[in-house]
Amino acid sequence: MSNGPRKRSLASLWLIIALTVAPVAASYLVFYFWPPSGSTNYGELLDPLPLPQARLMLADGTPFDLARLRGKWVLVTVDSGRCDAYCDKKLLYMRQLRLTQGKDRDRIERVWLISDDAAPDARALAPYPGTWPIRAAGSELLNRFPAQRAASDHIYVIDPLGNLMMRYPRDPDPQRMIKDLTRLLKVSRLG
């Protein structure tokens, strides 16, 4: 009797073991040498923080309640009423972000929280119709917007339930912001 059939069955056994172990070994190699990124969002997720109901006014003196925006996604910038070039850039980004959402753009509102007593110039507001210029100087609301340096460095996102939940870095990448917002609107049944 020869060792031929026995060698063939041993080779078959090793082949089966190799085919079984290979995918597991490959997954470990991929995970440790090409680890997946921690998240798919660009904006920094914040612990959801309900915003207080504060007595606010629009830039023209009309009383305003943030609860009016419930049920919508809200893009927020915090800045001086003098609105320098960076402030203007954030207002532009917020306008364009909303417009890129096509039929879902009506699910998004934009707010400029004016952090001082300076009144915004009507010419500064003209390119951004639909943006709510809200006087928030001295309001506890302004203290709720976390920032490493200054709240004016960021564009923030408030969810339809009224929770502050995300912020974008200073000088953000607009394309990545569009992807984030598109994903939020797609997966959310709110707003």
Foldseek 3Di string as FASTA:
>chain_A
DDCVVVVVVVVVVVVVVCVVCVVVVVVVCCCVVVNDDPDDAQWDWDDWAAFDFDFWAFLVGHTDTCLVLAQAKEKEAEEALAQDPLSLVSLVLQQVLLVVLPPCSVRYAYEYEHQDPDRHDVVSCVVRPRYTDMDQHPHCRLVVQDDPPHSNQWIWIADNRRITTTIHGRPHDSVSVSVNVNVCVVPDPTD
